[in-house]
Amino acid sequence: CDFSNYVDKIYPIEFRDTRHSCSVRDGVGAENVTLTGVDQILKAIYETTTGDFWLNKIGWLDEEVEYCDWYGVSCESRIVIGIDLRGNNLTGPFPYHNISMLHDIQSLDLANNALSGSIDYVTFY
């Protein structure tokens, strides 16, 4: 739980992966698994990269659509394993810290967009 407390201090809720949270039950550490927060991480990606101007934004930010059904998002058992937004008119800096909180992501394709900045590979450890 020490790491979770550290992350809580660094990232506001919209930038934390809250799938895993620590709790103590009868003096023994226990892990509560939820999927809250993943949609907030994806929403931050949308907003930071001018999602309103994406060529395809089907499902994004629609509260009636599960984030696994958002265009370009791939999931297994409601866990994001891939994001493919190549050639979709993303602009601006990409919030790499958001992706680092999707611990099960296996692929990320952002080619042929107008993104700026860099992605710090250290954040993926």
N, C-alpha and C. Protein backbone atom coordinates (compact mmCIF):
# COMPACT_ATOMS: atom_id res chain seq x y z
N CYS A 1 0.81 -1.20 0.00
CA CYS A 1 0.00 0.00 0.00
C CYS A 1 0.85 1.26 0.00
N ASP A 2 2.12 1.16 0.36
CA ASP A 2 2.98 2.35 0.36
C ASP A 2 3.05 2.98 -1.02
N PHE A 3 3.15 2.15 -2.06
CA PHE A 3 3.22 2.70 -3.42
C PHE A 3 1.93 3.43 -3.77
N SER A 4 0.79 2.87 -3.40
CA SER A 4 -0.49 3.53 -3.67
C SER A 4 -0.55 4.89 -2.98
N ASN A 5 -0.07 4.98 -1.77
CA ASN A 5 -0.05 6.26 -1.06
C ASN A 5 0.86 7.25 -1.76
N TYR A 6 1.99 6.77 -2.28
CA TYR A 6 2.92 7.62 -3.02
C TYR A 6 2.25 8.17 -4.28
N VAL A 7 1.58 7.31 -5.02
CA VAL A 7 0.90 7.73 -6.25
C VAL A 7 -0.21 8.72 -5.92
N ASP A 8 -0.95 8.50 -4.85
CA ASP A 8 -2.01 9.42 -4.45
C ASP A 8 -1.48 10.84 -4.27
N LYS A 9 -0.28 10.98 -3.77
CA LYS A 9 0.30 12.30 -3.54
C LYS A 9 0.76 12.96 -4.83
N ILE A 10 1.19 12.16 -5.80
CA ILE A 10 1.74 12.70 -7.04
C ILE A 10 0.66 13.02 -8.06
N TYR A 11 -0.30 12.10 -8.25
CA TYR A 11 -1.29 12.26 -9.30
C TYR A 11 -2.67 12.53 -8.73
N PRO A 12 -3.36 13.53 -9.25
CA PRO A 12 -4.76 13.70 -8.86
C PRO A 12 -5.57 12.52 -9.39
N ILE A 13 -6.78 12.36 -8.92
CA ILE A 13 -7.59 11.19 -9.25
C ILE A 13 -7.71 10.95 -10.74
N GLU A 14 -7.80 12.00 -11.55
CA GLU A 14 -7.99 11.79 -12.97
C GLU A 14 -6.75 11.21 -13.64
N PHE A 15 -5.61 11.17 -12.93
CA PHE A 15 -4.40 10.62 -13.53
C PHE A 15 -3.90 9.37 -12.82
N ARG A 16 -4.74 8.75 -12.01
CA ARG A 16 -4.33 7.54 -11.31
C ARG A 16 -5.07 6.34 -11.86
N ASP A 17 -4.40 5.22 -11.87
CA ASP A 17 -5.05 3.96 -12.21
C ASP A 17 -5.63 3.42 -10.92
N THR A 18 -6.93 3.48 -10.78
CA THR A 18 -7.55 3.08 -9.53
C THR A 18 -8.14 1.67 -9.61
N ARG A 19 -7.68 0.88 -10.57
CA ARG A 19 -8.14 -0.50 -10.64
C ARG A 19 -7.76 -1.26 -9.39
N HIS A 20 -6.59 -0.98 -8.87
CA HIS A 20 -6.11 -1.68 -7.70
C HIS A 20 -6.01 -0.70 -6.55
N SER A 21 -6.63 -1.02 -5.46
CA SER A 21 -6.50 -0.19 -4.28
C SER A 21 -6.23 -1.09 -3.09
N CYS A 22 -5.52 -0.58 -2.14
CA CYS A 22 -5.17 -1.37 -0.97
C CYS A 22 -6.15 -1.08 0.16
N SER A 23 -6.41 -2.09 0.92
CA SER A 23 -7.23 -1.91 2.11
C SER A 23 -6.73 -2.89 3.17
N VAL A 24 -7.12 -2.67 4.38
CA VAL A 24 -6.74 -3.57 5.46
C VAL A 24 -8.01 -4.14 6.06
N ARG A 25 -8.05 -5.44 6.15
CA ARG A 25 -9.21 -6.13 6.71
C ARG A 25 -8.68 -7.07 7.80
N ASP A 26 -9.10 -6.86 9.04
CA ASP A 26 -8.65 -7.68 10.16
C ASP A 26 -7.13 -7.72 10.27
N GLY A 27 -6.49 -6.57 9.99
CA GLY A 27 -5.05 -6.50 10.14
C GLY A 27 -4.26 -7.11 9.00
N VAL A 28 -4.94 -7.64 7.99
CA VAL A 28 -4.25 -8.26 6.87
C VAL A 28 -4.52 -7.44 5.62
N GLY A 29 -3.48 -7.14 4.83
CA GLY A 29 -3.67 -6.38 3.61
C GLY A 29 -4.52 -7.16 2.62
N ALA A 30 -5.45 -6.49 1.96
CA ALA A 30 -6.29 -7.12 0.96
C ALA A 30 -6.40 -6.19 -0.22
N GLU A 31 -6.53 -6.74 -1.40
CA GLU A 31 -6.62 -5.91 -2.59
C GLU A 31 -8.06 -5.90 -3.08
N ASN A 32 -8.59 -4.70 -3.28
CA ASN A 32 -9.91 -4.54 -3.87
C ASN A 32 -9.70 -4.17 -5.32
N VAL A 33 -10.31 -4.90 -6.23
CA VAL A 33 -10.11 -4.63 -7.65
C VAL A 33 -11.38 -3.99 -8.20
N THR A 34 -11.22 -2.82 -8.79
CA THR A 34 -12.32 -2.14 -9.46
C THR A 34 -11.80 -1.63 -10.78
N LEU A 35 -12.68 -1.20 -11.63
CA LEU A 35 -12.27 -0.64 -12.90
C LEU A 35 -12.52 0.86 -12.96
N THR A 36 -12.83 1.46 -11.85
CA THR A 36 -13.04 2.90 -11.85
C THR A 36 -11.72 3.59 -12.12
N GLY A 37 -11.78 4.69 -12.81
CA GLY A 37 -10.57 5.44 -13.10
C GLY A 37 -10.04 5.24 -14.50
N VAL A 38 -10.25 4.07 -15.10
CA VAL A 38 -9.77 3.81 -16.44
C VAL A 38 -10.43 4.76 -17.43
N ASP A 39 -11.74 4.94 -17.31
CA ASP A 39 -12.42 5.86 -18.22
C ASP A 39 -11.92 7.29 -18.01
N GLN A 40 -11.52 7.64 -16.78
CA GLN A 40 -10.98 8.98 -16.53
C GLN A 40 -9.61 9.15 -17.17
N ILE A 41 -8.81 8.11 -17.17
CA ILE A 41 -7.50 8.14 -17.83
C ILE A 41 -7.69 8.34 -19.33
N LEU A 42 -8.60 7.59 -19.92
CA LEU A 42 -8.86 7.72 -21.35
C LEU A 42 -9.45 9.09 -21.68
N LYS A 43 -10.31 9.58 -20.81
CA LYS A 43 -10.90 10.91 -21.02
C LYS A 43 -9.80 11.98 -21.04
N ALA A 44 -8.82 11.86 -20.16
CA ALA A 44 -7.72 12.82 -20.14
C ALA A 44 -6.93 12.77 -21.44
N ILE A 45 -6.76 11.58 -22.02
CA ILE A 45 -6.09 11.46 -23.31
C ILE A 45 -6.90 12.19 -24.38
N TYR A 46 -8.20 11.97 -24.37
CA TYR A 46 -9.09 12.61 -25.33
C TYR A 46 -8.99 14.13 -25.24
N GLU A 47 -9.10 14.64 -24.03
CA GLU A 47 -9.11 16.09 -23.83
C GLU A 47 -7.76 16.73 -24.14
N THR A 48 -6.67 16.06 -23.78
CA THR A 48 -5.34 16.62 -23.99
C THR A 48 -4.95 16.64 -25.47
N THR A 49 -5.48 15.71 -26.24
CA THR A 49 -5.10 15.61 -27.65
C THR A 49 -6.21 16.13 -28.56
N THR A 50 -6.99 17.08 -28.10
CA THR A 50 -8.09 17.74 -28.82
C THR A 50 -9.04 16.73 -29.47
N GLY A 51 -9.58 15.87 -28.63
CA GLY A 51 -10.48 14.82 -29.09
C GLY A 51 -11.69 15.31 -29.87
N ASP A 52 -12.13 16.52 -29.61
CA ASP A 52 -13.29 17.05 -30.34
C ASP A 52 -13.00 17.15 -31.84
N PHE A 53 -11.72 17.16 -32.20
CA PHE A 53 -11.33 17.28 -33.61
C PHE A 53 -10.80 15.98 -34.20
N TRP A 54 -10.88 14.88 -33.45
CA TRP A 54 -10.47 13.59 -33.99
C TRP A 54 -11.34 13.23 -35.18
N LEU A 55 -10.79 12.47 -36.10
CA LEU A 55 -11.55 12.03 -37.26
C LEU A 55 -12.60 10.99 -36.85
N ASN A 56 -12.23 10.13 -35.92
CA ASN A 56 -13.18 9.12 -35.42
C ASN A 56 -13.13 9.14 -33.90
N LYS A 57 -14.23 9.49 -33.31
CA LYS A 57 -14.32 9.54 -31.84
C LYS A 57 -15.55 8.78 -31.36
N ILE A 58 -15.94 7.77 -32.11
CA ILE A 58 -17.14 6.99 -31.78
C ILE A 58 -17.03 6.42 -30.36
N GLY A 59 -18.00 6.72 -29.54
CA GLY A 59 -18.08 6.21 -28.19
C GLY A 59 -17.36 7.03 -27.14
N TRP A 60 -16.35 7.79 -27.52
CA TRP A 60 -15.55 8.53 -26.55
C TRP A 60 -16.41 9.53 -25.78
N LEU A 61 -16.31 9.45 -24.48
CA LEU A 61 -16.99 10.33 -23.52
C LEU A 61 -18.51 10.13 -23.49
N ASP A 62 -19.02 9.16 -24.20
CA ASP A 62 -20.44 8.85 -24.15
C ASP A 62 -20.67 7.97 -22.93
N GLU A 63 -21.38 8.49 -21.94
CA GLU A 63 -21.59 7.77 -20.69
C GLU A 63 -22.37 6.47 -20.86
N GLU A 64 -23.04 6.32 -21.98
CA GLU A 64 -23.81 5.10 -22.23
C GLU A 64 -23.00 4.03 -22.96
N VAL A 65 -21.74 4.37 -23.31
CA VAL A 65 -20.89 3.43 -24.04
C VAL A 65 -19.73 3.02 -23.14
N GLU A 66 -19.56 1.73 -22.95
CA GLU A 66 -18.44 1.18 -22.19
C GLU A 66 -17.13 1.59 -22.86
N TYR A 67 -16.13 1.99 -22.08
CA TYR A 67 -14.87 2.46 -22.67
C TYR A 67 -14.22 1.41 -23.56
N CYS A 68 -14.48 0.14 -23.33
CA CYS A 68 -13.93 -0.92 -24.19
C CYS A 68 -14.54 -0.87 -25.59
N ASP A 69 -15.64 -0.16 -25.75
CA ASP A 69 -16.28 0.00 -27.06
C ASP A 69 -15.95 1.33 -27.71
N TRP A 70 -15.09 2.13 -27.07
CA TRP A 70 -14.68 3.39 -27.67
C TRP A 70 -13.76 3.10 -28.84
N TYR A 71 -13.85 3.90 -29.88
CA TYR A 71 -13.02 3.71 -31.06
C TYR A 71 -11.54 3.64 -30.67
N GLY A 72 -10.86 2.62 -31.16
CA GLY A 72 -9.42 2.48 -30.96
C GLY A 72 -9.00 1.83 -29.66
N VAL A 73 -9.92 1.52 -28.78
CA VAL A 73 -9.59 0.91 -27.49
C VAL A 73 -9.87 -0.58 -27.57
N SER A 74 -8.86 -1.38 -27.21
CA SER A 74 -9.00 -2.83 -27.18
C SER A 74 -8.92 -3.32 -25.74
N CYS A 75 -9.83 -4.23 -25.39
CA CYS A 75 -9.87 -4.74 -24.02
C CYS A 75 -9.97 -6.27 -24.01
N GLU A 76 -9.53 -6.82 -22.91
CA GLU A 76 -9.78 -8.22 -22.57
C GLU A 76 -10.33 -8.22 -21.16
N SER A 77 -11.51 -8.76 -20.98
CA SER A 77 -12.17 -8.79 -19.66
C SER A 77 -12.23 -7.40 -19.03
N ARG A 78 -12.58 -6.41 -19.83
CA ARG A 78 -12.73 -5.02 -19.40
C ARG A 78 -11.42 -4.36 -18.96
N ILE A 79 -10.30 -4.94 -19.34
CA ILE A 79 -8.99 -4.37 -19.04
C ILE A 79 -8.40 -3.89 -20.35
N VAL A 80 -8.00 -2.62 -20.40
CA VAL A 80 -7.44 -2.04 -21.63
C VAL A 80 -6.09 -2.68 -21.92
N ILE A 81 -5.99 -3.29 -23.12
CA ILE A 81 -4.72 -3.90 -23.53
C ILE A 81 -4.13 -3.21 -24.76
N GLY A 82 -4.89 -2.34 -25.40
CA GLY A 82 -4.37 -1.66 -26.57
C GLY A 82 -5.13 -0.40 -26.90
N ILE A 83 -4.41 0.55 -27.49
CA ILE A 83 -5.01 1.78 -28.00
C ILE A 83 -4.44 2.02 -29.38
N ASP A 84 -5.31 2.11 -30.38
CA ASP A 84 -4.89 2.35 -31.76
C ASP A 84 -5.63 3.57 -32.28
N LEU A 85 -4.95 4.70 -32.25
CA LEU A 85 -5.53 5.95 -32.72
C LEU A 85 -4.69 6.55 -33.85
N ARG A 86 -4.04 5.68 -34.61
CA ARG A 86 -3.18 6.17 -35.71
C ARG A 86 -4.02 6.91 -36.74
N GLY A 87 -3.43 7.98 -37.27
CA GLY A 87 -4.08 8.76 -38.31
C GLY A 87 -5.43 9.32 -37.93
N ASN A 88 -5.60 9.71 -36.69
CA ASN A 88 -6.91 10.15 -36.20
C ASN A 88 -6.94 11.63 -35.82
N ASN A 89 -5.97 12.39 -36.27
CA ASN A 89 -5.92 13.83 -36.05
C ASN A 89 -5.71 14.23 -34.59
N LEU A 90 -4.95 13.44 -33.83
CA LEU A 90 -4.59 13.82 -32.47
C LEU A 90 -3.55 14.92 -32.57
N THR A 91 -3.69 15.95 -31.75
CA THR A 91 -2.73 17.05 -31.75
C THR A 91 -2.36 17.42 -30.33
N GLY A 92 -1.18 18.05 -30.20
CA GLY A 92 -0.73 18.50 -28.90
C GLY A 92 0.12 17.48 -28.20
N PRO A 93 0.45 17.75 -26.95
CA PRO A 93 1.29 16.81 -26.18
C PRO A 93 0.47 15.59 -25.76
N PHE A 94 1.08 14.42 -25.88
CA PHE A 94 0.39 13.21 -25.45
C PHE A 94 0.67 12.98 -23.97
N PRO A 95 -0.36 12.77 -23.17
CA PRO A 95 -0.16 12.59 -21.72
C PRO A 95 0.35 11.19 -21.40
N TYR A 96 1.66 10.98 -21.59
CA TYR A 96 2.24 9.65 -21.41
C TYR A 96 2.01 9.09 -20.01
N HIS A 97 1.92 9.96 -19.00
CA HIS A 97 1.71 9.46 -17.64
C HIS A 97 0.38 8.72 -17.52
N ASN A 98 -0.59 9.06 -18.36
CA ASN A 98 -1.87 8.34 -18.34
C ASN A 98 -1.69 6.90 -18.79
N ILE A 99 -0.96 6.71 -19.87
CA ILE A 99 -0.75 5.36 -20.41
C ILE A 99 0.02 4.50 -19.41
N SER A 100 0.96 5.10 -18.69
CA SER A 100 1.75 4.33 -17.73
C SER A 100 0.89 3.76 -16.61
N MET A 101 -0.30 4.30 -16.41
CA MET A 101 -1.20 3.79 -15.37
C MET A 101 -2.13 2.71 -15.89
N LEU A 102 -2.08 2.44 -17.17
CA LEU A 102 -2.83 1.30 -17.73
C LEU A 102 -1.84 0.14 -17.78
N HIS A 103 -1.68 -0.54 -16.68
CA HIS A 103 -0.61 -1.51 -16.47
C HIS A 103 -0.64 -2.71 -17.41
N ASP A 104 -1.77 -3.01 -18.00
CA ASP A 104 -1.88 -4.19 -18.85
C ASP A 104 -1.81 -3.86 -20.34
N ILE A 105 -1.52 -2.61 -20.68
CA ILE A 105 -1.50 -2.22 -22.08
C ILE A 105 -0.34 -2.93 -22.79
N GLN A 106 -0.64 -3.48 -23.96
CA GLN A 106 0.35 -4.21 -24.74
C GLN A 106 0.70 -3.51 -26.03
N SER A 107 -0.19 -2.66 -26.53
CA SER A 107 0.10 -1.95 -27.78
C SER A 107 -0.47 -0.53 -27.72
N LEU A 108 0.27 0.36 -28.36
CA LEU A 108 -0.11 1.76 -28.44
C LEU A 108 0.32 2.26 -29.81
N ASP A 109 -0.63 2.63 -30.66
CA ASP A 109 -0.31 3.11 -32.00
C ASP A 109 -0.86 4.52 -32.16
N LEU A 110 0.05 5.48 -32.23
CA LEU A 110 -0.31 6.89 -32.37
C LEU A 110 0.31 7.48 -33.63
N ALA A 111 0.73 6.64 -34.56
CA ALA A 111 1.40 7.10 -35.78
C ALA A 111 0.49 8.01 -36.60
N ASN A 112 1.13 8.85 -37.40
CA ASN A 112 0.43 9.72 -38.35
C ASN A 112 -0.56 10.68 -37.68
N ASN A 113 -0.13 11.26 -36.59
CA ASN A 113 -0.87 12.30 -35.90
C ASN A 113 0.07 13.49 -35.71
N ALA A 114 -0.41 14.57 -35.16
CA ALA A 114 0.42 15.76 -34.94
C ALA A 114 0.70 15.95 -33.46
N LEU A 115 1.22 14.90 -32.83
CA LEU A 115 1.52 14.96 -31.40
C LEU A 115 2.88 15.62 -31.18
N SER A 116 3.03 16.24 -30.02
CA SER A 116 4.29 16.88 -29.68
C SER A 116 4.80 16.30 -28.37
N GLY A 117 6.06 16.57 -28.07
CA GLY A 117 6.64 16.08 -26.84
C GLY A 117 7.19 14.68 -27.01
N SER A 118 7.47 14.04 -25.90
CA SER A 118 8.04 12.69 -25.94
C SER A 118 7.32 11.81 -24.92
N ILE A 119 7.52 10.52 -25.08
CA ILE A 119 6.98 9.56 -24.13
C ILE A 119 8.16 9.01 -23.37
N ASP A 120 8.17 9.18 -22.07
CA ASP A 120 9.26 8.74 -21.21
C ASP A 120 9.12 7.25 -20.97
N TYR A 121 10.01 6.47 -21.55
CA TYR A 121 9.93 5.01 -21.42
C TYR A 121 10.05 4.54 -19.99
N VAL A 122 10.66 5.30 -19.13
CA VAL A 122 10.83 4.92 -17.73
C VAL A 122 9.49 4.74 -17.04
N THR A 123 8.48 5.47 -17.48
CA THR A 123 7.18 5.40 -16.81
C THR A 123 6.47 4.07 -17.03
N PHE A 124 6.96 3.26 -17.95
CA PHE A 124 6.30 1.99 -18.24
C PHE A 124 6.82 0.84 -17.38
N TYR A 125 7.75 1.09 -16.50
CA TYR A 125 8.27 0.03 -15.64
C TYR A 125 7.35 -0.20 -14.49
